[in-house]
């Protein structure tokens, strides 16, 4: 019996005996999560069913909302495609991302999102629209799959008119290309009804490859940017007569906001005609629904390959669009329908079914991805990680956020108030977003608001000086 007692005691001591710890099976380290980062083009923040739009059908994005966390106050600080995407790629404001704001090229001394992940051992792949200078492989992407960029060898557009019979002026000469640069003329020139399908095909082709390392897959749809061409089939069609106009619809903008004669603003004749705008809205919704279906195809492949549980899926857009709101049709403005973007995150370390009301920027995604994967955030990054918001450690990251367009528009927004300054036009607007979320009542002339306006202008000027802006802010 004494021997048995000694034997039991010895066995109980095994886990803590230094010489025997190595005999225990080692616990496999948790693999770093993959990231599938999906960006649409010109998608208003109010065009996802689960985010409050009962008219549009987006079942795939709705499921992401249920699985993850949404950020309804996320903004695109510079609402135009290539500049907004430069902020995403560098994690910096446009004043820092470009050596010569706002025309580019991207400052080569800055760390990039893809380059940072590539250096950390990730395979980085770019799929879809490339609208920045250079090539994705010059910005840290290991490879491309289904790249859609300018350069068609002078071939004519596949669709020279959109679904309304209007002459196409956007994406002229854009084509799909292989990873070695061969033009895929079989997929059309310019936007076609199946462009979103081809972009999803590129993403799926990458995912289906044997993956021996974690990956960052950056998927960039061209939808729902103009020219809007009705997608194939009838299942996503919307009846124009059943669609209401935006709640802040106006026939035309009351003054020149700095881009009144730009390409986007002359796509539809002004003053805007309600029935014509409804037809445009119907096609806009259809293109988004078709893109939603393609996102579903990508997610299905992640599920089939048992990757979904260890993959962070993030959906957003490079900026919104007016499309009739405030009498505008384009994206070069500071209103909520345009600087606002849908932002949905789902996957590892992301709470389910949660909404975070704190303001944030698209450039905050770079450091967020780093923190969620255990990668050091480069010193050049100016954005702030959203991880503390996801954990619930803080209620906000910024006392206010700012936005800007060329030297003609500046914006500052806090938790309630929003001031837009038009330096070259000598005008300003003040909105109380708590009582007037559609920004229909400009309070800038109110004597009661002058002290508030001056405080906000001082804060904006201070931010612009710190950001390195050489343009006027008041």
Protein backbone atom coordinates (compact mmCIF):
# COMPACT_ATOMS: atom_id res chain seq x y z
CA UNK A 1 0.00 0.00 0.00
CA UNK A 2 2.77 2.55 0.77
CA UNK A 3 4.19 1.84 -2.69
CA UNK A 4 0.82 2.48 -4.37
CA UNK A 5 0.43 5.75 -2.45
CA UNK A 6 3.89 6.86 -3.55
CA UNK A 7 3.08 5.91 -7.17
CA UNK A 8 -0.17 7.93 -7.17
CA UNK A 9 1.61 10.89 -5.65
CA UNK A 10 4.29 10.70 -8.33
CA UNK A 11 1.69 10.62 -11.13
CA UNK A 12 -0.09 13.63 -9.67
CA UNK A 13 3.15 15.53 -9.68
CA UNK A 14 3.92 14.93 -13.36
CA UNK A 15 2.31 18.15 -14.72
CA UNK A 16 4.49 20.36 -12.57
CA UNK A 17 7.77 18.45 -12.62
CA UNK A 18 10.21 20.43 -14.86
CA UNK A 19 11.79 17.36 -16.36
CA UNK A 20 8.48 15.87 -17.42
CA UNK A 21 6.61 18.91 -18.82
CA UNK A 22 8.01 18.21 -22.29
CA UNK A 23 6.24 14.84 -22.27
CA UNK A 24 2.82 16.57 -22.45
CA UNK A 25 1.31 17.17 -25.89
CA UNK A 26 1.97 20.72 -27.16
CA UNK A 27 -1.07 22.91 -27.83
CA UNK A 28 -1.17 23.99 -31.49
CA UNK A 29 -0.95 27.77 -31.90
CA UNK A 30 -4.10 29.45 -33.16
CA UNK A 31 -3.55 30.30 -36.85
CA UNK A 32 -3.81 33.94 -37.81
CA UNK A 33 -7.18 34.77 -39.34
CA UNK A 34 -7.63 35.33 -43.05
CA UNK A 35 -9.16 38.61 -44.19
CA UNK A 36 -11.63 39.07 -47.04
CA UNK A 37 -11.97 42.82 -47.51
CA UNK A 38 -14.80 43.77 -49.87
CA UNK A 39 -15.22 47.33 -51.19
CA UNK A 40 -18.06 48.49 -53.41
CA UNK A 41 -18.00 51.66 -55.51
CA UNK A 42 -20.30 54.65 -54.84
CA UNK A 43 -22.70 52.84 -52.49
CA UNK A 44 -24.84 55.01 -50.24
CA UNK A 45 -24.89 54.04 -46.55
CA UNK A 46 -28.69 53.58 -46.70
CA UNK A 47 -28.69 50.83 -49.34
CA UNK A 48 -28.50 47.67 -47.20
CA UNK A 49 -31.80 46.11 -46.13
CA UNK A 50 -30.65 45.19 -42.62
CA UNK A 51 -29.32 48.71 -42.06
CA UNK A 52 -32.75 50.25 -42.45
CA UNK A 53 -33.74 50.16 -46.12
CA UNK A 54 -36.89 48.06 -46.45
CA UNK A 55 -37.01 48.46 -50.25
CA UNK A 56 -33.70 46.94 -51.29
CA UNK A 57 -32.91 43.21 -51.24
CA UNK A 58 -29.45 42.40 -49.85
CA UNK A 59 -29.82 39.02 -48.08
CA UNK A 60 -26.09 38.23 -48.03
CA UNK A 61 -25.09 41.55 -46.48
CA UNK A 62 -28.02 41.18 -44.08
CA UNK A 63 -26.56 37.90 -42.81
CA UNK A 64 -23.20 39.61 -42.30
CA UNK A 65 -24.96 42.27 -40.23
CA UNK A 66 -26.51 39.53 -38.08
CA UNK A 67 -23.15 37.77 -37.67
CA UNK A 68 -21.10 40.84 -36.93
CA UNK A 69 -20.79 44.50 -35.98
CA UNK A 70 -21.84 47.57 -37.96
CA UNK A 71 -20.51 51.13 -37.82
CA UNK A 72 -23.33 53.44 -39.02
CA UNK A 73 -21.23 56.60 -38.56
CA UNK A 74 -18.25 55.48 -40.65
CA UNK A 75 -17.14 58.04 -43.24
CA UNK A 76 -15.06 58.34 -46.38
CA UNK A 77 -13.04 61.47 -45.62
CA UNK A 78 -12.42 62.32 -49.28
CA UNK A 79 -15.47 61.27 -51.34
CA UNK A 80 -13.95 60.31 -54.66
CA UNK A 81 -12.78 56.83 -55.66
CA UNK A 82 -9.01 56.90 -56.06
CA UNK A 83 -8.36 59.29 -53.16
CA UNK A 84 -10.59 57.39 -50.76
CA UNK A 85 -8.88 54.15 -51.76
CA UNK A 86 -5.47 55.75 -51.23
CA UNK A 87 -6.51 56.50 -47.65
CA UNK A 88 -7.53 52.84 -47.24
CA UNK A 89 -4.24 51.58 -48.71
CA UNK A 90 -2.02 53.81 -46.55
CA UNK A 91 -4.07 54.36 -43.40
CA UNK A 92 -3.40 58.09 -43.82
CA UNK A 93 -5.41 61.18 -44.66
CA UNK A 94 -5.19 62.31 -48.27
CA UNK A 95 -2.95 65.19 -47.17
CA UNK A 96 -0.37 62.60 -46.11
CA UNK A 97 -1.15 59.76 -48.52
CA UNK A 98 -0.29 61.92 -51.52
CA UNK A 99 2.88 63.90 -51.98
CA UNK A 100 0.86 66.43 -53.98
CA UNK A 101 -2.67 66.52 -52.54
CA UNK A 102 -5.04 65.59 -54.07
CA UNK A 103 -3.66 64.39 -57.40
CA UNK A 104 -1.12 61.78 -56.32
CA UNK A 105 0.85 59.66 -56.75
CA UNK A 106 0.71 57.78 -53.46
CA UNK A 107 3.77 58.55 -51.35
CA UNK A 108 6.10 55.54 -51.84
CA UNK A 109 7.64 56.09 -48.39
CA UNK A 110 4.39 55.07 -46.68
CA UNK A 111 3.66 51.56 -45.47
CA UNK A 112 0.74 49.96 -47.29
CA UNK A 113 -1.95 47.63 -46.02
CA UNK A 114 -1.01 44.79 -48.35
CA UNK A 115 2.74 45.31 -47.98
CA UNK A 116 2.45 45.15 -44.20
CA UNK A 117 0.56 41.86 -44.36
CA UNK A 118 2.86 40.44 -47.01
CA UNK A 119 5.87 41.18 -44.77
CA UNK A 120 4.07 39.40 -41.92
CA UNK A 121 3.77 36.19 -43.96
CA UNK A 122 0.35 36.65 -45.55
CA UNK A 123 -0.46 35.94 -49.18
CA UNK A 124 -2.01 39.17 -50.44
CA UNK A 125 -4.32 39.20 -53.46
CA UNK A 126 -6.07 42.06 -55.25
CA UNK A 127 -9.28 41.41 -57.17
CA UNK A 128 -11.40 43.82 -59.20
CA UNK A 129 -11.19 47.57 -59.70
CA UNK A 130 -7.76 49.19 -59.44
CA UNK A 131 -8.06 52.97 -59.60
CA UNK A 132 -4.78 54.13 -58.05
CA UNK A 133 -1.44 54.93 -59.65
CA UNK A 134 0.93 52.08 -60.43
CA UNK A 135 -0.09 48.44 -60.12
CA UNK A 136 -1.31 46.36 -57.15
CA UNK A 137 2.01 44.47 -57.06
CA UNK A 138 3.75 47.80 -56.48
CA UNK A 139 1.57 48.32 -53.40
CA UNK A 140 2.28 45.06 -51.63
CA UNK A 141 -0.07 42.59 -53.29
CA UNK A 142 1.54 39.23 -54.02
CA UNK A 143 -0.72 38.60 -56.98
CA UNK A 144 -3.90 39.66 -58.74
CA UNK A 145 -6.90 37.58 -59.76
CA UNK A 146 -9.55 39.14 -61.94
CA UNK A 147 -7.89 42.56 -62.02
CA UNK A 148 -10.10 45.26 -63.60
CA UNK A 149 -8.21 48.39 -64.67
CA UNK A 150 -7.78 50.94 -67.43
CA UNK A 151 -6.16 49.99 -70.72
CA UNK A 152 -8.01 48.27 -73.54
CA UNK A 153 -5.72 48.70 -76.52
CA UNK A 154 -8.14 51.15 -78.13
CA UNK A 155 -11.01 48.69 -78.46
CA UNK A 156 -14.58 50.12 -78.37
CA UNK A 157 -16.83 49.81 -75.33
CA UNK A 158 -18.95 46.68 -75.07
CA UNK A 159 -21.87 48.83 -73.88
CA UNK A 160 -21.69 52.38 -75.20
CA UNK A 161 -25.05 53.23 -73.57
CA UNK A 162 -26.40 52.47 -70.12
CA UNK A 163 -29.80 50.95 -69.37
CA UNK A 164 -31.48 54.36 -69.78
CA UNK A 165 -30.01 54.83 -73.27
CA UNK A 166 -27.53 57.45 -72.06
CA UNK A 167 -24.02 57.66 -73.53
CA UNK A 168 -21.45 56.06 -71.23
CA UNK A 169 -18.73 58.36 -69.88
CA UNK A 170 -17.43 56.21 -66.99
CA UNK A 171 -15.03 53.24 -67.06
CA UNK A 172 -14.27 53.91 -70.71
CA UNK A 173 -11.53 51.53 -71.84
CA UNK A 174 -11.40 49.43 -68.67
CA UNK A 175 -10.69 45.71 -69.06
CA UNK A 176 -10.04 42.56 -67.04
CA UNK A 177 -6.45 41.35 -67.00
CA UNK A 178 -4.60 38.21 -65.99
CA UNK A 179 -1.89 38.30 -63.34
CA UNK A 180 0.76 38.66 -66.06
CA UNK A 181 -1.08 41.56 -67.72
CA UNK A 182 -2.89 39.85 -70.60
CA UNK A 183 -6.12 41.64 -71.51
CA UNK A 184 -9.25 39.47 -71.24
CA UNK A 185 -11.36 40.84 -74.09
CA UNK A 186 -13.82 37.97 -73.63
CA UNK A 187 -15.03 39.68 -70.44
CA UNK A 188 -15.90 42.91 -72.21
CA UNK A 189 -14.58 46.45 -72.29
CA UNK A 190 -15.98 48.86 -69.72
CA UNK A 191 -18.79 47.90 -67.38
CA UNK A 192 -21.11 45.11 -68.52
CA UNK A 193 -24.08 43.36 -66.86
CA UNK A 194 -21.65 40.66 -65.64
CA UNK A 195 -18.75 42.76 -64.34
CA UNK A 196 -19.58 41.93 -60.72
CA UNK A 197 -19.67 38.23 -61.61
CA UNK A 198 -16.20 38.41 -63.19
CA UNK A 199 -14.80 40.16 -60.12
CA UNK A 200 -16.32 37.50 -57.86
CA UNK A 201 -14.86 34.83 -60.17
CA UNK A 202 -11.40 36.26 -59.55
CA UNK A 203 -11.89 36.14 -55.79
CA UNK A 204 -13.21 32.57 -55.94
CA UNK A 205 -10.32 31.40 -58.13
CA UNK A 206 -7.91 32.68 -55.51
CA UNK A 207 -9.72 31.10 -52.55
CA UNK A 208 -9.90 27.74 -54.30
CA UNK A 209 -6.13 27.55 -54.58
CA UNK A 210 -4.25 25.53 -51.98
CA UNK A 211 -3.53 27.95 -49.15
CA UNK A 212 -0.48 27.19 -47.01
CA UNK A 213 -0.42 30.65 -45.43
CA UNK A 214 -3.06 33.05 -44.11
CA UNK A 215 -4.31 35.44 -46.77
CA UNK A 216 -5.57 38.97 -47.26
CA UNK A 217 -7.98 39.04 -50.19
CA UNK A 218 -8.97 42.57 -51.26
CA UNK A 219 -12.11 42.42 -53.43
CA UNK A 220 -13.06 45.64 -55.20
CA UNK A 221 -16.39 45.75 -57.01
CA UNK A 222 -17.17 48.43 -59.58
CA UNK A 223 -20.86 48.34 -58.63
CA UNK A 224 -22.96 50.40 -58.22
CA UNK A 225 -20.90 53.11 -59.98
CA UNK A 226 -22.25 54.43 -63.28
CA UNK A 227 -22.78 53.48 -66.02
CA UNK A 228 -25.56 51.48 -64.45
CA UNK A 229 -26.52 48.56 -66.65
CA UNK A 230 -29.34 46.23 -65.68
CA UNK A 231 -27.89 42.91 -64.46
CA UNK A 232 -28.97 39.66 -66.13
CA UNK A 233 -32.29 38.06 -65.19
CA UNK A 234 -35.43 39.48 -63.63
CA UNK A 235 -35.03 38.45 -60.00
CA UNK A 236 -33.40 41.74 -58.96
CA UNK A 237 -35.58 44.13 -60.91
CA UNK A 238 -37.23 47.01 -59.07
CA UNK A 239 -40.35 48.85 -60.19
CA UNK A 240 -39.37 52.53 -60.60
CA UNK A 241 -42.91 53.70 -59.94
CA UNK A 242 -42.86 51.99 -56.54
CA UNK A 243 -39.65 53.66 -55.37
CA UNK A 244 -39.89 56.86 -53.32
CA UNK A 245 -37.50 59.71 -53.96
CA UNK A 246 -34.85 60.32 -51.29
CA UNK A 247 -36.24 62.13 -48.27
CA UNK A 248 -33.93 65.06 -48.99
CA UNK A 249 -34.58 65.12 -52.74
CA UNK A 250 -34.34 68.50 -54.45
CA UNK A 251 -34.53 69.37 -58.16
CA UNK A 252 -31.17 71.15 -57.96
CA UNK A 253 -28.59 72.30 -55.45
CA UNK A 254 -29.06 75.90 -54.26
CA UNK A 255 -25.47 76.98 -54.96
CA UNK A 256 -22.21 75.86 -56.57
CA UNK A 257 -20.66 73.60 -53.94
CA UNK A 258 -17.40 73.23 -55.85
CA UNK A 259 -18.29 70.52 -58.35
CA UNK A 260 -21.60 71.63 -59.82
CA UNK A 261 -20.34 71.15 -63.38
CA UNK A 262 -18.22 68.04 -62.81
CA UNK A 263 -18.78 64.81 -64.73
CA UNK A 264 -20.96 63.23 -62.04
CA UNK A 265 -23.22 66.28 -61.84
CA UNK A 266 -24.03 66.39 -65.55
CA UNK A 267 -25.00 62.71 -65.87
CA UNK A 268 -28.65 63.67 -65.35
CA UNK A 269 -30.24 66.82 -66.65
CA UNK A 270 -30.94 69.53 -64.07
CA UNK A 271 -33.37 70.35 -62.61
CA UNK A 272 -33.78 66.67 -61.79
CA UNK A 273 -36.91 65.05 -63.15
CA UNK A 274 -38.52 62.70 -60.56
CA UNK A 275 -39.53 59.88 -62.91
CA UNK A 276 -36.12 59.82 -64.57
CA UNK A 277 -34.46 59.71 -61.16
CA UNK A 278 -36.71 56.83 -60.08
CA UNK A 279 -35.56 54.81 -63.08
CA UNK A 280 -31.96 55.50 -62.12
CA UNK A 281 -32.65 54.45 -58.53
CA UNK A 282 -34.28 51.21 -59.72
CA UNK A 283 -31.20 50.26 -61.71
CA UNK A 284 -28.90 51.36 -58.85
CA UNK A 285 -30.75 49.02 -56.48
CA UNK A 286 -30.67 46.18 -59.01
CA UNK A 287 -26.92 46.47 -59.46
CA UNK A 288 -26.42 46.40 -55.67
CA UNK A 289 -28.64 43.31 -55.33
CA UNK A 290 -26.68 41.59 -58.09
CA UNK A 291 -23.41 42.43 -56.32
CA UNK A 292 -24.87 41.08 -53.08
CA UNK A 293 -25.44 37.76 -54.83
CA UNK A 294 -21.82 37.68 -55.97
CA UNK A 295 -20.61 38.32 -52.43
CA UNK A 296 -22.72 35.32 -51.46
CA UNK A 297 -20.82 33.19 -53.97
CA UNK A 298 -17.51 34.23 -52.39
CA UNK A 299 -18.72 33.43 -48.88
CA UNK A 300 -20.07 30.05 -50.03
CA UNK A 301 -16.60 29.05 -51.23
CA UNK A 302 -15.12 30.07 -47.87
CA UNK A 303 -17.68 27.79 -46.22
CA UNK A 304 -17.03 24.90 -48.60
CA UNK A 305 -13.30 25.07 -47.86
CA UNK A 306 -13.87 25.28 -44.08
CA UNK A 307 -12.28 28.73 -43.96
CA UNK A 308 -15.24 30.75 -42.76
CA UNK A 309 -14.67 30.37 -39.00
CA UNK A 310 -11.15 31.77 -39.23
CA UNK A 311 -11.85 34.51 -41.77
CA UNK A 312 -12.60 38.13 -40.99
CA UNK A 313 -15.04 39.48 -43.58
CA UNK A 314 -15.30 43.26 -43.92
CA UNK A 315 -17.65 45.07 -46.28
CA UNK A 316 -17.66 48.78 -47.04
CA UNK A 317 -17.70 51.26 -49.94
CA UNK A 318 -15.21 53.89 -51.05
CA UNK A 319 -17.91 56.57 -50.58
CA UNK A 320 -21.63 57.09 -51.00
CA UNK A 321 -23.52 59.02 -53.66
CA UNK A 322 -26.13 61.80 -53.84
CA UNK A 323 -28.34 60.34 -56.59
CA UNK A 324 -30.99 63.03 -56.18
CA UNK A 325 -30.39 64.02 -52.57
CA UNK A 326 -29.89 67.77 -52.16
CA UNK A 327 -30.32 68.20 -55.91
CA UNK A 328 -27.01 66.47 -56.62
CA UNK A 329 -26.17 63.28 -58.52
CA UNK A 330 -22.48 62.81 -57.76
CA UNK A 331 -20.22 62.03 -54.82
CA UNK A 332 -18.13 65.18 -54.52
CA UNK A 333 -20.00 66.66 -51.55
CA UNK A 334 -19.99 66.64 -47.75
CA UNK A 335 -23.54 65.43 -47.07
CA UNK A 336 -24.16 62.26 -45.04
CA UNK A 337 -25.49 60.30 -48.03
CA UNK A 338 -22.07 60.70 -49.65
CA UNK A 339 -19.38 60.84 -46.96
CA UNK A 340 -21.23 58.08 -45.12
CA UNK A 341 -20.48 54.46 -46.03
CA UNK A 342 -21.85 51.08 -44.98
CA UNK A 343 -19.29 49.31 -42.77
CA UNK A 344 -19.89 45.73 -41.65
CA UNK A 345 -17.38 43.43 -39.94
CA UNK A 346 -17.90 39.75 -39.12
CA UNK A 347 -15.58 36.97 -38.00
CA UNK A 348 -12.97 36.27 -35.32
CA UNK A 349 -12.88 38.76 -32.40
CA UNK A 350 -15.95 40.63 -33.76
CA UNK A 351 -19.12 40.69 -31.61
CA UNK A 352 -22.31 39.39 -33.20
CA UNK A 353 -25.36 41.56 -33.87
CA UNK A 354 -23.80 44.74 -32.50
CA UNK A 355 -23.94 48.35 -33.64
CA UNK A 356 -21.19 50.84 -32.75
CA UNK A 357 -22.32 54.45 -33.02
CA UNK A 358 -18.86 56.00 -32.75
CA UNK A 359 -17.56 57.93 -35.75
CA UNK A 360 -14.65 56.42 -37.64
CA UNK A 361 -12.79 56.64 -40.96
CA UNK A 362 -12.07 54.17 -43.72
CA UNK A 363 -8.37 54.73 -43.00
CA UNK A 364 -8.96 53.18 -39.57
CA UNK A 365 -9.37 49.77 -41.19
CA UNK A 366 -5.63 49.36 -41.84
CA UNK A 367 -4.64 49.49 -38.13
CA UNK A 368 -7.77 47.52 -37.19
CA UNK A 369 -6.76 44.63 -39.46
CA UNK A 370 -3.27 44.73 -37.95
CA UNK A 371 -4.52 44.57 -34.38
CA UNK A 372 -7.03 41.80 -35.08
CA UNK A 373 -4.27 39.64 -36.59
CA UNK A 374 -1.46 40.44 -34.17
CA UNK A 375 0.61 42.43 -36.67
CA UNK A 376 2.46 45.57 -35.57
CA UNK A 377 0.89 48.78 -36.87
CA UNK A 378 3.44 50.70 -39.01
CA UNK A 379 4.55 54.05 -37.63
CA UNK A 380 3.38 55.90 -40.76
CA UNK A 381 -0.29 54.94 -40.21
CA UNK A 382 -2.45 57.81 -38.99
CA UNK A 383 -5.72 55.91 -38.58
CA UNK A 384 -6.78 54.38 -35.27
CA UNK A 385 -7.70 50.77 -34.65
CA UNK A 386 -11.40 50.04 -34.13
CA UNK A 387 -10.50 47.14 -31.85
CA UNK A 388 -11.16 49.11 -28.61
CA UNK A 389 -14.65 49.88 -29.94
CA UNK A 390 -15.22 46.22 -30.79
CA UNK A 391 -14.16 45.21 -27.27
CA UNK A 392 -16.34 47.89 -25.72
CA UNK A 393 -13.34 49.46 -23.96
CA UNK A 394 -14.14 52.97 -25.24
CA UNK A 395 -17.24 54.74 -26.54
CA UNK A 396 -15.47 56.81 -29.19
CA UNK A 397 -12.10 57.27 -30.87
CA UNK A 398 -12.43 60.88 -32.00
CA UNK A 399 -14.05 64.01 -30.52
CA UNK A 400 -14.89 64.94 -34.11
CA UNK A 401 -14.20 63.75 -37.66
CA UNK A 402 -13.38 65.79 -40.75
CA UNK A 403 -13.82 65.48 -44.51
CA UNK A 404 -12.51 67.44 -47.48
CA UNK A 405 -12.68 67.77 -51.25
CA UNK A 406 -10.03 69.66 -53.27
CA UNK A 407 -9.82 73.19 -51.84
CA UNK A 408 -13.54 73.81 -52.23
CA UNK A 409 -15.12 71.86 -49.36
CA UNK A 410 -14.30 71.16 -45.73
CA UNK A 411 -16.42 69.43 -43.07
CA UNK A 412 -16.29 68.82 -39.32
CA UNK A 413 -18.79 66.61 -37.46
CA UNK A 414 -19.09 65.76 -33.79
CA UNK A 415 -21.62 63.52 -32.07
CA UNK A 416 -24.46 65.90 -32.96
CA UNK A 417 -23.45 68.91 -35.00
CA UNK A 418 -22.02 69.19 -38.47
CA UNK A 419 -20.44 72.22 -40.13
CA UNK A 420 -19.63 72.38 -43.85
CA UNK A 421 -17.40 75.20 -45.07
CA UNK A 422 -17.07 76.16 -48.75
CA UNK A 423 -13.87 78.29 -48.83
CA UNK A 424 -13.97 79.28 -52.49
CA UNK A 425 -17.71 80.00 -52.47
CA UNK A 426 -17.61 81.92 -49.20
CA UNK A 427 -20.49 79.88 -47.73
CA UNK A 428 -21.14 77.55 -44.85
CA UNK A 429 -23.87 75.21 -43.56
CA UNK A 430 -24.66 74.00 -40.05
CA UNK A 431 -26.86 70.97 -39.38
CA UNK A 432 -28.18 69.44 -36.18
CA UNK A 433 -27.97 65.76 -37.11
CA UNK A 434 -29.91 64.69 -34.03
CA UNK A 435 -33.07 66.53 -35.07
CA UNK A 436 -32.34 66.81 -38.80
CA UNK A 437 -30.52 63.66 -39.99
CA UNK A 438 -31.42 64.38 -43.63
CA UNK A 439 -29.72 67.80 -43.46
CA UNK A 440 -32.65 69.80 -44.76
CA UNK A 441 -32.43 72.78 -42.40
CA UNK A 442 -29.30 74.92 -42.53
CA UNK A 443 -28.85 76.72 -39.19
CA UNK A 444 -25.72 78.67 -40.10
CA UNK A 445 -27.57 82.02 -40.21
CA UNK A 446 -29.00 81.62 -36.70
CA UNK A 447 -27.60 84.14 -34.24
CA UNK A 448 -27.86 81.50 -31.52
CA UNK A 449 -25.39 79.27 -33.36
CA UNK A 450 -22.57 81.71 -34.11
CA UNK A 451 -20.46 80.78 -31.09
CA UNK A 452 -20.81 77.09 -31.94
CA UNK A 453 -19.85 77.75 -35.55
CA UNK A 454 -16.73 79.65 -34.54
CA UNK A 455 -15.65 76.90 -32.16
CA UNK A 456 -16.11 74.26 -34.84
CA UNK A 457 -14.24 76.37 -37.39
CA UNK A 458 -11.35 76.78 -34.98
CA UNK A 459 -11.26 73.01 -34.39
CA UNK A 460 -11.37 72.37 -38.13
CA UNK A 461 -8.58 74.86 -38.81
CA UNK A 462 -6.44 73.29 -36.11
CA UNK A 463 -6.98 69.81 -37.54
CA UNK A 464 -6.13 70.98 -41.06
CA UNK A 465 -2.92 72.63 -39.88
CA UNK A 466 -1.90 69.45 -38.09
CA UNK A 467 -2.79 67.39 -41.17
CA UNK A 468 -0.50 69.50 -43.35
CA UNK A 469 -3.20 71.13 -45.44
CA UNK A 470 -2.09 74.27 -47.24
CA UNK A 471 -5.63 75.08 -48.37
CA UNK A 472 -7.97 77.59 -46.77
CA UNK A 473 -10.46 76.17 -44.27
CA UNK A 474 -12.57 79.24 -43.54
